[in-house]
Amino acid sequence: MENPNQAVKVVAAGEALMDMIFQPDGSLMPHDGGAVYNLARALGLAGVSTQYLNPLSADTFGQSLRRALHKAGVGMPSEHGVAQPTSLAVVGVDEQGKASYGFYREGVADRQTSASILTALCRELPALEVVCTGCLALLPDDQAIYLPWLQAMRADGKTVVVDANLRPAVVPDMARYRASVLAALNEAHLIKASDDDLLHLGFTDADPVQAARSLMQQTGADLMALTLGAQGAVLLAADGRAWHASETTPVQVADTVGAGDCFLAGMLAAWVRLAEAAAVLPHQLALSDAHMQTLLNWGVASATLNCQQAGCQPPVREQVLDRLAQATPALRSLPSAC
């Protein structure tokens, strides 16, 4: 039998949890979730050979998380669940569909790993090109797990992707949190952040695009994806180019849970394919304007399809292609940085 590790191009390391989403009647509805887990599942559904690296619990929620990964075609280093319970997030959704989160993360399954374990797992994957992390993996208490791993992967020549995706409500010391997030972003070739993330990181320019450029300059990232909620998204390159994309037709939003994760997965799926066609690693690809437009199109379409359903429900590749055929996002070039 062929070893599935031979084909893995992308790995994701970070939280996997159960989103307990408040319903109108006050009950809680469980949905598989966690930003990094969502990203892994969305990449698998988009047709990218992906592995999720963190342990999952043997409990009922962990079994659900594992089934969803299997269904998405995402691999795992081990099929055996660990004794620790699954992380929980309690999710409130406001009238505009925007989600807020509270987390229960002590002694949980997905935190039972280390930098040395993650590094060893990656070095067993001969085709590996891209490593991804973000969100709760960037909390200060887990910095010793993920930062040395990112540094090792960057040194190994892999493409590093980090989603800032800050959750300030769960960290009492914001200065320490900012430092931990920025340390991870310093290792990234591609950064994803929202306009809210930039404010939490201290980049307070009234123009979020200028704030994003300041973050890029500080970290040295090659690319940055800036999400702006209903106003769409911007993709910025280190050479100063920037493109904005937004939907051209009204979108019926169920909620925004997992929207940013699906946006990033759509972009990454397109980036990996473009790089494969050029026979280079993604961060080595010379991105033309047409390439940047393709990345944005895939990101916006993937996020839109997810937002039309409750919880994180990433689209499959064919759904994204159908969406783009029916409603291509409006694209415009922004003024280049001076």
C-alpha atoms as a PDB file:
ATOM      1  CA  MET A   1       0.000   0.000   0.000  1.00  0.00           C
ATOM      2  CA  GLU A   2       1.272   3.479  -0.872  1.00  0.00           C
ATOM      3  CA  ASN A   3       2.382   5.549   2.111  1.00  0.00           C
ATOM      4  CA  PRO A   4       0.023   8.587   2.297  1.00  0.00           C
ATOM      5  CA  ASN A   5       2.816  10.646   3.863  1.00  0.00           C
ATOM      6  CA  GLN A   6       4.569  10.664   0.483  1.00  0.00           C
ATOM      7  CA  ALA A   7       2.007  13.061  -0.990  1.00  0.00           C
ATOM      8  CA  VAL A   8       1.404  15.539   1.852  1.00  0.00           C
ATOM      9  CA  LYS A   9       2.146  19.101   0.712  1.00  0.00           C
ATOM     10  CA  VAL A  10       0.643  21.155   3.541  1.00  0.00           C
ATOM     11  CA  VAL A  11       0.471  20.669   7.300  1.00  0.00           C
ATOM     12  CA  ALA A  12      -1.498  22.597   9.906  1.00  0.00           C
ATOM     13  CA  ALA A  13      -0.674  22.678  13.623  1.00  0.00           C
ATOM     14  CA  GLY A  14      -2.850  24.348  16.230  1.00  0.00           C
ATOM     15  CA  GLU A  15      -6.165  24.089  17.972  1.00  0.00           C
ATOM     16  CA  ALA A  16      -8.975  21.656  17.241  1.00  0.00           C
ATOM     17  CA  LEU A  17     -12.096  22.211  19.324  1.00  0.00           C
ATOM     18  CA  MET A  18     -15.840  22.024  19.437  1.00  0.00           C
ATOM     19  CA  ASP A  19     -17.688  25.275  18.729  1.00  0.00           C
ATOM     20  CA  MET A  20     -20.759  25.374  20.979  1.00  0.00           C
ATOM     21  CA  ILE A  21     -22.888  27.943  19.132  1.00  0.00           C
ATOM     22  CA  PHE A  22     -25.740  29.690  20.935  1.00  0.00           C
ATOM     23  CA  GLN A  23     -29.091  29.148  19.228  1.00  0.00           C
ATOM     24  CA  PRO A  24     -32.042  31.604  19.313  1.00  0.00           C
ATOM     25  CA  ASP A  25     -33.778  29.457  21.952  1.00  0.00           C
ATOM     26  CA  GLY A  26     -30.696  29.611  24.222  1.00  0.00           C
ATOM     27  CA  SER A  27     -29.509  26.071  23.523  1.00  0.00           C
ATOM     28  CA  LEU A  28     -25.996  25.246  22.337  1.00  0.00           C
ATOM     29  CA  MET A  29     -25.356  23.515  19.004  1.00  0.00           C
ATOM     30  CA  PRO A  30     -21.968  21.756  18.639  1.00  0.00           C
ATOM     31  CA  HIS A  31     -19.955  22.228  15.445  1.00  0.00           C
ATOM     32  CA  ASP A  32     -16.469  20.927  14.673  1.00  0.00           C
ATOM     33  CA  GLY A  33     -14.097  23.888  14.861  1.00  0.00           C
ATOM     34  CA  GLY A  34     -10.894  25.624  15.830  1.00  0.00           C
ATOM     35  CA  ALA A  35      -9.217  28.005  13.373  1.00  0.00           C
ATOM     36  CA  VAL A  36      -6.278  25.755  12.481  1.00  0.00           C
ATOM     37  CA  TYR A  37      -8.432  22.622  12.364  1.00  0.00           C
ATOM     38  CA  ASN A  38     -10.900  24.483  10.125  1.00  0.00           C
ATOM     39  CA  LEU A  39      -8.038  25.485   7.851  1.00  0.00           C
ATOM     40  CA  ALA A  40      -6.818  21.892   7.548  1.00  0.00           C
ATOM     41  CA  ARG A  41     -10.302  20.605   6.757  1.00  0.00           C
ATOM     42  CA  ALA A  42     -10.954  23.394   4.247  1.00  0.00           C
ATOM     43  CA  LEU A  43      -7.663  22.670   2.472  1.00  0.00           C
ATOM     44  CA  GLY A  44      -8.523  18.996   2.230  1.00  0.00           C
ATOM     45  CA  LEU A  45     -11.941  19.747   0.774  1.00  0.00           C
ATOM     46  CA  ALA A  46     -10.276  22.099  -1.713  1.00  0.00           C
ATOM     47  CA  GLY A  47      -8.235  19.159  -2.976  1.00  0.00           C
ATOM     48  CA  VAL A  48      -4.896  19.958  -1.306  1.00  0.00           C
ATOM     49  CA  SER A  49      -2.989  17.017   0.213  1.00  0.00           C
ATOM     50  CA  THR A  50      -2.993  18.064   3.867  1.00  0.00           C
ATOM     51  CA  GLN A  51      -2.144  16.656   7.287  1.00  0.00           C
ATOM     52  CA  TYR A  52      -3.346  17.935  10.671  1.00  0.00           C
ATOM     53  CA  LEU A  53      -0.579  17.417  13.225  1.00  0.00           C
ATOM     54  CA  ASN A  54      -2.125  17.813  16.697  1.00  0.00           C
ATOM     55  CA  PRO A  55      -3.590  14.990  18.801  1.00  0.00           C
ATOM     56  CA  LEU A  56      -7.355  14.562  19.018  1.00  0.00           C
ATOM     57  CA  SER A  57      -9.244  13.289  22.024  1.00  0.00           C
ATOM     58  CA  ALA A  58     -10.742   9.815  22.327  1.00  0.00           C
ATOM     59  CA  ASP A  59     -13.953  11.446  23.631  1.00  0.00           C
ATOM     60  CA  THR A  60     -17.157  11.881  21.598  1.00  0.00           C
ATOM     61  CA  PHE A  61     -16.193  15.319  20.338  1.00  0.00           C
ATOM     62  CA  GLY A  62     -12.745  14.098  19.339  1.00  0.00           C
ATOM     63  CA  GLN A  63     -14.300  11.284  17.354  1.00  0.00           C
ATOM     64  CA  SER A  64     -16.467  13.822  15.528  1.00  0.00           C
ATOM     65  CA  LEU A  65     -13.421  15.966  14.716  1.00  0.00           C
ATOM     66  CA  ARG A  66     -11.590  12.912  13.396  1.00  0.00           C
ATOM     67  CA  ARG A  67     -14.527  11.819  11.199  1.00  0.00           C
ATOM     68  CA  ALA A  68     -14.722  15.266   9.627  1.00  0.00           C
ATOM     69  CA  LEU A  69     -11.002  15.199   8.824  1.00  0.00           C
ATOM     70  CA  HIS A  70     -11.377  11.771   7.241  1.00  0.00           C
ATOM     71  CA  LYS A  71     -14.320  13.001   5.178  1.00  0.00           C
ATOM     72  CA  ALA A  72     -12.247  15.967   3.983  1.00  0.00           C
ATOM     73  CA  GLY A  73      -9.353  13.694   3.014  1.00  0.00           C
ATOM     74  CA  VAL A  74      -7.025  15.164   5.653  1.00  0.00           C
ATOM     75  CA  GLY A  75      -4.428  12.863   7.176  1.00  0.00           C
ATOM     76  CA  MET A  76      -3.227  12.608  10.792  1.00  0.00           C
ATOM     77  CA  PRO A  77      -0.018  11.203  12.245  1.00  0.00           C
ATOM     78  CA  SER A  78      -1.988   8.859  14.507  1.00  0.00           C
ATOM     79  CA  GLU A  79      -5.442   7.326  14.452  1.00  0.00           C
ATOM     80  CA  HIS A  80      -5.403   6.849  18.231  1.00  0.00           C
ATOM     81  CA  GLY A  81      -7.204   9.366  20.428  1.00  0.00           C
ATOM     82  CA  VAL A  82      -5.579  10.699  23.605  1.00  0.00           C
ATOM     83  CA  ALA A  83      -7.145  10.668  27.064  1.00  0.00           C
ATOM     84  CA  GLN A  84      -7.398  14.440  27.471  1.00  0.00           C
ATOM     85  CA  PRO A  85     -10.767  16.043  26.566  1.00  0.00           C
ATOM     86  CA  THR A  86     -11.560  18.127  23.503  1.00  0.00           C
ATOM     87  CA  SER A  87     -11.239  21.909  23.761  1.00  0.00           C
ATOM     88  CA  LEU A  88     -14.496  23.868  23.805  1.00  0.00           C
ATOM     89  CA  ALA A  89     -15.416  27.299  22.452  1.00  0.00           C
ATOM     90  CA  VAL A  90     -18.715  28.925  23.412  1.00  0.00           C
ATOM     91  CA  VAL A  91     -19.778  31.079  20.456  1.00  0.00           C
ATOM     92  CA  GLY A  92     -22.242  33.953  20.436  1.00  0.00           C
ATOM     93  CA  VAL A  93     -23.488  35.374  17.133  1.00  0.00           C
ATOM     94  CA  ASP A  94     -24.832  38.936  16.869  1.00  0.00           C
ATOM     95  CA  GLU A  95     -27.547  40.255  14.543  1.00  0.00           C
ATOM     96  CA  GLN A  96     -25.021  40.774  11.728  1.00  0.00           C
ATOM     97  CA  GLY A  97     -23.803  37.173  12.044  1.00  0.00           C
ATOM     98  CA  LYS A  98     -20.463  38.188  13.614  1.00  0.00           C
ATOM     99  CA  ALA A  99     -19.164  35.668  16.121  1.00  0.00           C
ATOM    100  CA  SER A 100     -17.609  36.181  19.570  1.00  0.00           C
ATOM    101  CA  TYR A 101     -15.808  33.441  21.498  1.00  0.00           C
ATOM    102  CA  GLY A 102     -15.060  32.128  24.974  1.00  0.00           C
ATOM    103  CA  PHE A 103     -12.610  29.220  25.343  1.00  0.00           C
ATOM    104  CA  TYR A 104     -12.106  26.229  27.657  1.00  0.00           C
ATOM    105  CA  ARG A 105      -8.546  25.040  27.022  1.00  0.00           C
ATOM    106  CA  GLU A 106      -6.902  23.656  30.163  1.00  0.00           C
ATOM    107  CA  GLY A 107      -5.541  20.097  29.976  1.00  0.00           C
ATOM    108  CA  VAL A 108      -6.999  19.494  26.508  1.00  0.00           C
ATOM    109  CA  ALA A 109      -6.086  17.055  23.752  1.00  0.00           C
ATOM    110  CA  ASP A 110      -4.801  19.362  21.042  1.00  0.00           C
ATOM    111  CA  ARG A 111      -2.194  20.901  23.384  1.00  0.00           C
ATOM    112  CA  GLN A 112      -0.483  17.530  23.987  1.00  0.00           C
ATOM    113  CA  THR A 113       2.394  18.149  21.596  1.00  0.00           C
ATOM    114  CA  SER A 114       5.796  19.868  21.458  1.00  0.00           C
ATOM    115  CA  ALA A 115       8.130  21.665  19.066  1.00  0.00           C
ATOM    116  CA  SER A 116      10.304  18.569  18.729  1.00  0.00           C
ATOM    117  CA  ILE A 117       7.323  16.339  17.960  1.00  0.00           C
ATOM    118  CA  LEU A 118       5.953  18.735  15.321  1.00  0.00           C
ATOM    119  CA  THR A 119       9.370  19.134  13.709  1.00  0.00           C
ATOM    120  CA  ALA A 120       9.954  15.380  13.583  1.00  0.00           C
ATOM    121  CA  LEU A 121       6.516  14.770  12.068  1.00  0.00           C
ATOM    122  CA  CYS A 122       7.170  17.314   9.337  1.00  0.00           C
ATOM    123  CA  ARG A 123      10.570  15.889   8.491  1.00  0.00           C
ATOM    124  CA  GLU A 124       8.880  12.544   7.817  1.00  0.00           C
ATOM    125  CA  LEU A 125       6.913  14.133   4.939  1.00  0.00           C
ATOM    126  CA  PRO A 126       9.136  14.183   1.825  1.00  0.00           C
ATOM    127  CA  ALA A 127       6.797  16.300  -0.328  1.00  0.00           C
ATOM    128  CA  LEU A 128       6.006  18.872   2.356  1.00  0.00           C
ATOM    129  CA  GLU A 129       5.981  22.463   1.075  1.00  0.00           C
ATOM    130  CA  VAL A 130       3.826  24.573   3.411  1.00  0.00           C
ATOM    131  CA  VAL A 131       3.371  24.750   7.199  1.00  0.00           C
ATOM    132  CA  CYS A 132       0.472  26.658   8.745  1.00  0.00           C
ATOM    133  CA  THR A 133      -0.512  27.801  12.220  1.00  0.00           C
ATOM    134  CA  GLY A 134      -2.229  30.691  13.981  1.00  0.00           C
ATOM    135  CA  CYS A 135      -4.969  31.807  16.357  1.00  0.00           C
ATOM    136  CA  LEU A 136      -4.782  29.998  19.733  1.00  0.00           C
ATOM    137  CA  ALA A 137      -1.409  28.446  18.841  1.00  0.00           C
ATOM    138  CA  LEU A 138      -0.009  31.990  19.142  1.00  0.00           C
ATOM    139  CA  LEU A 139      -1.001  32.402  22.795  1.00  0.00           C
ATOM    140  CA  PRO A 140       2.026  33.066  25.040  1.00  0.00           C
ATOM    141  CA  ASP A 141       1.551  29.852  27.036  1.00  0.00           C
ATOM    142  CA  ASP A 142       2.075  27.773  23.872  1.00  0.00           C
ATOM    143  CA  GLN A 143       4.889  29.817  22.346  1.00  0.00           C
ATOM    144  CA  ALA A 144       7.461  27.178  23.310  1.00  0.00           C
ATOM    145  CA  ILE A 145       5.547  24.650  21.195  1.00  0.00           C
ATOM    146  CA  TYR A 146       4.981  26.549  17.977  1.00  0.00           C
ATOM    147  CA  LEU A 147       7.684  29.207  17.642  1.00  0.00           C
ATOM    148  CA  PRO A 148      10.692  26.811  17.604  1.00  0.00           C
ATOM    149  CA  TRP A 149       8.797  24.605  15.147  1.00  0.00           C
ATOM    150  CA  LEU A 150       8.147  27.556  12.808  1.00  0.00           C
ATOM    151  CA  GLN A 151      11.789  28.573  13.041  1.00  0.00           C
ATOM    152  CA  ALA A 152      12.899  25.036  12.202  1.00  0.00           C
ATOM    153  CA  MET A 153      10.527  24.833   9.240  1.00  0.00           C
ATOM    154  CA  ARG A 154      11.663  28.209   7.899  1.00  0.00           C
ATOM    155  CA  ALA A 155      15.268  27.042   8.221  1.00  0.00           C
ATOM    156  CA  ASP A 156      14.304  23.872   6.322  1.00  0.00           C
ATOM    157  CA  GLY A 157      13.097  26.019   3.425  1.00  0.00           C
ATOM    158  CA  LYS A 158       9.351  25.441   3.839  1.00  0.00           C
ATOM    159  CA  THR A 159       6.737  28.085   3.079  1.00  0.00           C
ATOM    160  CA  VAL A 160       5.451  29.406   6.430  1.00  0.00           C
ATOM    161  CA  VAL A 161       1.883  30.691   6.790  1.00  0.00           C
ATOM    162  CA  VAL A 162       0.619  32.320  10.007  1.00  0.00           C
ATOM    163  CA  ASP A 163      -2.928  33.536  10.677  1.00  0.00           C
ATOM    164  CA  ALA A 164      -2.817  36.188  13.428  1.00  0.00           C
ATOM    165  CA  ASN A 165      -6.539  35.782  14.299  1.00  0.00           C
ATOM    166  CA  LEU A 166      -6.196  37.282  17.795  1.00  0.00           C
ATOM    167  CA  ARG A 167      -8.507  36.416  20.692  1.00  0.00           C
ATOM    168  CA  PRO A 168      -7.686  39.189  23.220  1.00  0.00           C
ATOM    169  CA  ALA A 169     -10.570  38.304  25.552  1.00  0.00           C
ATOM    170  CA  VAL A 170      -8.747  35.131  26.669  1.00  0.00           C
ATOM    171  CA  VAL A 171      -5.394  36.760  27.544  1.00  0.00           C
ATOM    172  CA  PRO A 172      -5.047  39.192  30.478  1.00  0.00           C
ATOM    173  CA  ASP A 173      -1.571  40.445  29.474  1.00  0.00           C
ATOM    174  CA  MET A 174      -1.929  42.022  26.008  1.00  0.00           C
ATOM    175  CA  ALA A 175       1.703  43.152  25.823  1.00  0.00           C
ATOM    176  CA  ARG A 176       2.865  39.569  26.287  1.00  0.00           C
ATOM    177  CA  TYR A 177       0.264  38.343  23.805  1.00  0.00           C
ATOM    178  CA  ARG A 178       1.312  40.879  21.154  1.00  0.00           C
ATOM    179  CA  ALA A 179       4.943  39.876  21.552  1.00  0.00           C
ATOM    180  CA  SER A 180       4.084  36.205  21.123  1.00  0.00           C
ATOM    181  CA  VAL A 181       1.993  36.826  17.995  1.00  0.00           C
ATOM    182  CA  LEU A 182       4.604  39.104  16.421  1.00  0.00           C
ATOM    183  CA  ALA A 183       7.358  36.557  17.082  1.00  0.00           C
ATOM    184  CA  ALA A 184       5.401  34.006  15.032  1.00  0.00           C
ATOM    185  CA  LEU A 185       4.565  36.526  12.298  1.00  0.00           C
ATOM    186  CA  ASN A 186       8.287  37.281  11.972  1.00  0.00           C
ATOM    187  CA  GLU A 187       8.762  33.722  10.651  1.00  0.00           C
ATOM    188  CA  ALA A 188       5.960  33.930   8.072  1.00  0.00           C
ATOM    189  CA  HIS A 189       6.154  34.244   4.316  1.00  0.00           C
ATOM    190  CA  LEU A 190       2.378  34.798   4.258  1.00  0.00           C
ATOM    191  CA  ILE A 191       0.460  36.562   7.024  1.00  0.00           C
ATOM    192  CA  LYS A 192      -3.308  36.675   7.318  1.00  0.00           C
ATOM    193  CA  ALA A 193      -4.883  39.244   9.617  1.00  0.00           C
ATOM    194  CA  SER A 194      -8.130  41.173   9.939  1.00  0.00           C
ATOM    195  CA  ASP A 195      -8.505  44.913  10.488  1.00  0.00           C
ATOM    196  CA  ASP A 196      -9.376  44.097  14.123  1.00  0.00           C
ATOM    197  CA  ASP A 197      -6.189  42.010  14.467  1.00  0.00           C
ATOM    198  CA  LEU A 198      -4.102  44.986  13.335  1.00  0.00           C
ATOM    199  CA  LEU A 199      -5.636  47.190  16.029  1.00  0.00           C
ATOM    200  CA  HIS A 200      -4.992  44.566  18.713  1.00  0.00           C
ATOM    201  CA  LEU A 201      -1.361  44.354  17.556  1.00  0.00           C
ATOM    202  CA  GLY A 202      -0.961  48.115  17.908  1.00  0.00           C
ATOM    203  CA  PHE A 203      -1.080  49.064  14.209  1.00  0.00           C
ATOM    204  CA  THR A 204      -3.658  51.818  14.549  1.00  0.00           C
ATOM    205  CA  ASP A 205      -3.434  53.760  11.282  1.00  0.00           C
ATOM    206  CA  ALA A 206      -6.915  54.888  10.254  1.00  0.00           C
ATOM    207  CA  ASP A 207      -6.342  53.203   6.889  1.00  0.00           C
ATOM    208  CA  PRO A 208      -6.155  49.437   7.529  1.00  0.00           C
ATOM    209  CA  VAL A 209      -4.177  48.933   4.303  1.00  0.00           C
ATOM    210  CA  GLN A 210      -1.486  51.290   5.552  1.00  0.00           C
ATOM    211  CA  ALA A 211      -1.566  49.523   8.932  1.00  0.00           C
ATOM    212  CA  ALA A 212      -1.084  46.206   7.121  1.00  0.00           C
ATOM    213  CA  ARG A 213       1.872  47.609   5.218  1.00  0.00           C
ATOM    214  CA  SER A 214       3.426  48.687   8.505  1.00  0.00           C
ATOM    215  CA  LEU A 215       3.059  45.158   9.863  1.00  0.00           C
ATOM    216  CA  MET A 216       4.595  43.705   6.693  1.00  0.00           C
ATOM    217  CA  GLN A 217       7.525  46.075   6.932  1.00  0.00           C
ATOM    218  CA  GLN A 218       8.127  45.120  10.567  1.00  0.00           C
ATOM    219  CA  THR A 219       7.925  41.358   9.964  1.00  0.00           C
ATOM    220  CA  GLY A 220       9.467  41.093   6.509  1.00  0.00           C
ATOM    221  CA  ALA A 221       6.591  38.979   5.145  1.00  0.00           C
ATOM    222  CA  ASP A 222       6.368  38.423   1.389  1.00  0.00           C
ATOM    223  CA  LEU A 223       2.562  38.503   1.284  1.00  0.00           C
ATOM    224  CA  MET A 224      -0.245  39.609   3.550  1.00  0.00           C
ATOM    225  CA  ALA A 225      -3.953  38.901   3.295  1.00  0.00           C
ATOM    226  CA  LEU A 226      -6.044  41.554   5.054  1.00  0.00           C
ATOM    227  CA  THR A 227      -9.687  40.648   5.670  1.00  0.00           C
ATOM    228  CA  LEU A 228     -12.231  43.454   6.058  1.00  0.00           C
ATOM    229  CA  GLY A 229     -15.440  41.595   6.879  1.00  0.00           C
ATOM    230  CA  ALA A 230     -18.317  42.556   4.596  1.00  0.00           C
ATOM    231  CA  GLN A 231     -15.986  44.979   2.778  1.00  0.00           C
ATOM    232  CA  GLY A 232     -13.992  42.110   1.284  1.00  0.00           C
ATOM    233  CA  ALA A 233     -10.254  41.544   1.460  1.00  0.00           C
ATOM    234  CA  VAL A 234      -6.921  42.955   0.323  1.00  0.00           C
ATOM    235  CA  LEU A 235      -3.825  41.058  -0.778  1.00  0.00           C
ATOM    236  CA  LEU A 236      -0.551  42.953  -0.365  1.00  0.00           C
ATOM    237  CA  ALA A 237       2.877  42.092  -1.749  1.00  0.00           C
ATOM    238  CA  ALA A 238       6.228  43.127  -0.313  1.00  0.00           C
ATOM    239  CA  ASP A 239       6.960  45.145  -3.469  1.00  0.00           C
ATOM    240  CA  GLY A 240       4.068  47.507  -2.634  1.00  0.00           C
ATOM    241  CA  ARG A 241       1.374  46.114  -4.926  1.00  0.00           C
ATOM    242  CA  ALA A 242      -2.076  45.605  -3.437  1.00  0.00           C
ATOM    243  CA  TRP A 243      -5.397  44.327  -4.733  1.00  0.00           C
ATOM    244  CA  HIS A 244      -8.860  44.623  -3.184  1.00  0.00           C
ATOM    245  CA  ALA A 245     -11.669  42.123  -3.786  1.00  0.00           C
ATOM    246  CA  SER A 246     -15.306  42.145  -2.725  1.00  0.00           C
ATOM    247  CA  GLU A 247     -18.504  40.338  -3.641  1.00  0.00           C
ATOM    248  CA  THR A 248     -20.609  41.799  -6.434  1.00  0.00           C
ATOM    249  CA  THR A 249     -23.891  40.172  -5.388  1.00  0.00           C
ATOM    250  CA  PRO A 250     -25.733  40.199  -2.036  1.00  0.00           C
ATOM    251  CA  VAL A 251     -24.785  37.368   0.324  1.00  0.00           C
ATOM    252  CA  GLN A 252     -27.263  35.851   2.779  1.00  0.00           C
ATOM    253  CA  VAL A 253     -25.069  35.387   5.860  1.00  0.00           C
ATOM    254  CA  ALA A 254     -25.967  32.652   8.359  1.00  0.00           C
ATOM    255  CA  ASP A 255     -22.915  33.484  10.495  1.00  0.00           C
ATOM    256  CA  THR A 256     -19.219  34.271  10.052  1.00  0.00           C
ATOM    257  CA  VAL A 257     -17.854  31.292  12.019  1.00  0.00           C
ATOM    258  CA  GLY A 258     -14.827  29.988  10.118  1.00  0.00           C
ATOM    259  CA  ALA A 259     -15.043  32.630   7.373  1.00  0.00           C
ATOM    260  CA  GLY A 260     -11.440  33.733   7.763  1.00  0.00           C
ATOM    261  CA  ASP A 261     -10.241  30.132   7.888  1.00  0.00           C
ATOM    262  CA  CYS A 262     -12.019  29.321   4.633  1.00  0.00           C
ATOM    263  CA  PHE A 263     -10.716  32.520   3.043  1.00  0.00           C
ATOM    264  CA  LEU A 264      -7.140  31.523   3.886  1.00  0.00           C
ATOM    265  CA  ALA A 265      -7.703  27.950   2.707  1.00  0.00           C
ATOM    266  CA  GLY A 266      -9.042  29.150  -0.635  1.00  0.00           C
ATOM    267  CA  MET A 267      -6.034  31.401  -1.131  1.00  0.00           C
ATOM    268  CA  LEU A 268      -3.591  28.680  -0.136  1.00  0.00           C
ATOM    269  CA  ALA A 269      -5.207  26.109  -2.407  1.00  0.00           C
ATOM    270  CA  ALA A 270      -4.772  28.475  -5.352  1.00  0.00           C
ATOM    271  CA  TRP A 271      -1.196  29.412  -4.318  1.00  0.00           C
ATOM    272  CA  VAL A 272      -0.094  25.778  -4.031  1.00  0.00           C
ATOM    273  CA  ARG A 273      -1.497  24.969  -7.464  1.00  0.00           C
ATOM    274  CA  LEU A 274       0.129  27.989  -9.111  1.00  0.00           C
ATOM    275  CA  ALA A 275       3.474  27.105  -7.532  1.00  0.00           C
ATOM    276  CA  GLU A 276       3.131  23.483  -8.585  1.00  0.00           C
ATOM    277  CA  ALA A 277       2.589  24.579 -12.188  1.00  0.00           C
ATOM    278  CA  ALA A 278       5.797  26.625 -11.980  1.00  0.00           C
ATOM    279  CA  ALA A 279       7.705  23.782 -10.248  1.00  0.00           C
ATOM    280  CA  VAL A 280       8.663  25.978  -7.270  1.00  0.00           C
ATOM    281  CA  LEU A 281       7.658  26.282  -3.626  1.00  0.00           C
ATOM    282  CA  PRO A 282       4.831  28.765  -3.037  1.00  0.00           C
ATOM    283  CA  HIS A 283       7.050  31.433  -1.445  1.00  0.00           C
ATOM    284  CA  GLN A 284       9.425  31.164  -4.414  1.00  0.00           C
ATOM    285  CA  LEU A 285       6.700  31.915  -6.971  1.00  0.00           C
ATOM    286  CA  ALA A 286       7.025  35.299  -8.692  1.00  0.00           C
ATOM    287  CA  LEU A 287       3.451  36.512  -8.281  1.00  0.00           C
ATOM    288  CA  SER A 288       2.046  38.396 -11.261  1.00  0.00           C
ATOM    289  CA  ASP A 289      -0.993  40.642 -10.936  1.00  0.00           C
ATOM    290  CA  ALA A 290      -3.064  37.831 -12.433  1.00  0.00           C
ATOM    291  CA  HIS A 291      -1.756  35.440  -9.772  1.00  0.00           C
ATOM    292  CA  MET A 292      -2.712  37.844  -6.999  1.00  0.00           C
ATOM    293  CA  GLN A 293      -6.191  38.198  -8.446  1.00  0.00           C
ATOM    294  CA  THR A 294      -6.564  34.417  -8.562  1.00  0.00           C
ATOM    295  CA  LEU A 295      -5.572  34.089  -4.897  1.00  0.00           C
ATOM    296  CA  LEU A 296      -8.093  36.747  -3.869  1.00  0.00           C
ATOM    297  CA  ASN A 297     -10.870  35.268  -6.002  1.00  0.00           C
ATOM    298  CA  TRP A 298     -10.432  31.869  -4.384  1.00  0.00           C
ATOM    299  CA  GLY A 299     -10.258  33.324  -0.892  1.00  0.00           C
ATOM    300  CA  VAL A 300     -13.369  35.482  -1.215  1.00  0.00           C
ATOM    301  CA  ALA A 301     -15.449  32.783  -2.917  1.00  0.00           C
ATOM    302  CA  SER A 302     -14.495  30.195  -0.280  1.00  0.00           C
ATOM    303  CA  ALA A 303     -15.396  32.547   2.584  1.00  0.00           C
ATOM    304  CA  THR A 304     -18.702  33.520   0.981  1.00  0.00           C
ATOM    305  CA  LEU A 305     -19.800  29.915   0.540  1.00  0.00           C
ATOM    306  CA  ASN A 306     -18.949  29.179   4.169  1.00  0.00           C
ATOM    307  CA  CYS A 307     -20.886  32.193   5.496  1.00  0.00           C
ATOM    308  CA  GLN A 308     -24.087  30.995   3.885  1.00  0.00           C
ATOM    309  CA  GLN A 309     -24.235  28.077   6.364  1.00  0.00           C
ATOM    310  CA  ALA A 310     -24.185  27.837  10.167  1.00  0.00           C
ATOM    311  CA  GLY A 311     -20.812  27.039  11.704  1.00  0.00           C
ATOM    312  CA  CYS A 312     -17.681  26.352   9.709  1.00  0.00           C
ATOM    313  CA  GLN A 313     -18.753  24.445   6.599  1.00  0.00           C
ATOM    314  CA  PRO A 314     -15.893  24.741   4.069  1.00  0.00           C
ATOM    315  CA  PRO A 315     -16.766  24.325   0.398  1.00  0.00           C
ATOM    316  CA  VAL A 316     -15.318  21.668  -1.877  1.00  0.00           C
ATOM    317  CA  ARG A 317     -13.249  22.687  -4.902  1.00  0.00           C
ATOM    318  CA  GLU A 318     -16.142  22.254  -7.334  1.00  0.00           C
ATOM    319  CA  GLN A 319     -18.354  24.603  -5.307  1.00  0.00           C
ATOM    320  CA  VAL A 320     -15.709  27.324  -5.428  1.00  0.00           C
ATOM    321  CA  LEU A 321     -15.317  26.905  -9.172  1.00  0.00           C
ATOM    322  CA  ASP A 322     -19.102  27.142  -9.619  1.00  0.00           C
ATOM    323  CA  ARG A 323     -19.246  30.251  -7.439  1.00  0.00           C
ATOM    324  CA  LEU A 324     -16.500  31.959  -9.423  1.00  0.00           C
ATOM    325  CA  ALA A 325     -18.237  31.068 -12.693  1.00  0.00           C
ATOM    326  CA  GLN A 326     -21.469  32.659 -11.462  1.00  0.00           C
ATOM    327  CA  ALA A 327     -20.202  35.654  -9.464  1.00  0.00           C
ATOM    328  CA  THR A 328     -16.554  36.671  -9.807  1.00  0.00           C
ATOM    329  CA  PRO A 329     -15.536  39.130  -7.045  1.00  0.00           C
ATOM    330  CA  ALA A 330     -14.985  42.761  -8.022  1.00  0.00           C
ATOM    331  CA  LEU A 331     -11.248  43.423  -8.146  1.00  0.00           C
ATOM    332  CA  ARG A 332      -9.339  46.694  -8.134  1.00  0.00           C
ATOM    333  CA  SER A 333      -5.699  47.570  -7.833  1.00  0.00           C
ATOM    334  CA  LEU A 334      -4.816  49.845  -4.909  1.00  0.00           C
ATOM    335  CA  PRO A 335      -2.097  52.512  -5.091  1.00  0.00           C
ATOM    336  CA  SER A 336       1.337  50.989  -4.573  1.00  0.00           C
ATOM    337  CA  ALA A 337       3.262  51.793  -1.420  1.00  0.00           C
ATOM    338  CA  CYS A 338       5.834  54.537  -1.814  1.00  0.00           C
END
